[in-house]
Amino acid sequence: MKRIWFFPALAFAAMSSITSTTLLGDEDLHPDLVRQWVSEGRILPLATILGQHAEQLQGTILDVELEEEDGVLVYEIKILDPRGHRWEHYFSAADGAPIKKERD
């Protein structure tokens, strides 16, 4: 099963943890749950992911999603690079490991 949580990118660019309202399908996912996952070490804060992969993520962050795919939490970060190309980067939310990169 795939779940997607949407995060407005601008709210997260300068934050060390996730604090914005998130969505799970048609249901609201309370931000405290995501903060709990961060504090428990289940996932890394978005700022950590952004810092670990700053060279790969050069450009403008368009949006960020936290997805659950087959029980694995994944950050999907959409970027507009300096040349005007859109990219989707996928990172493990647990350890920040790159999963894949696709041109959008």
Foldseek 3Di string as FASTA:
>chain_A
DKWKWWDQVVVQQPDQADDDWIDTVPHTDHSVVRVVCCVVLVFGGPNVLCVVCVVVQAADWGIWMFMADPNWTKIWTWGQHPVRWIKTWIAGRNPNHTDDMDTD
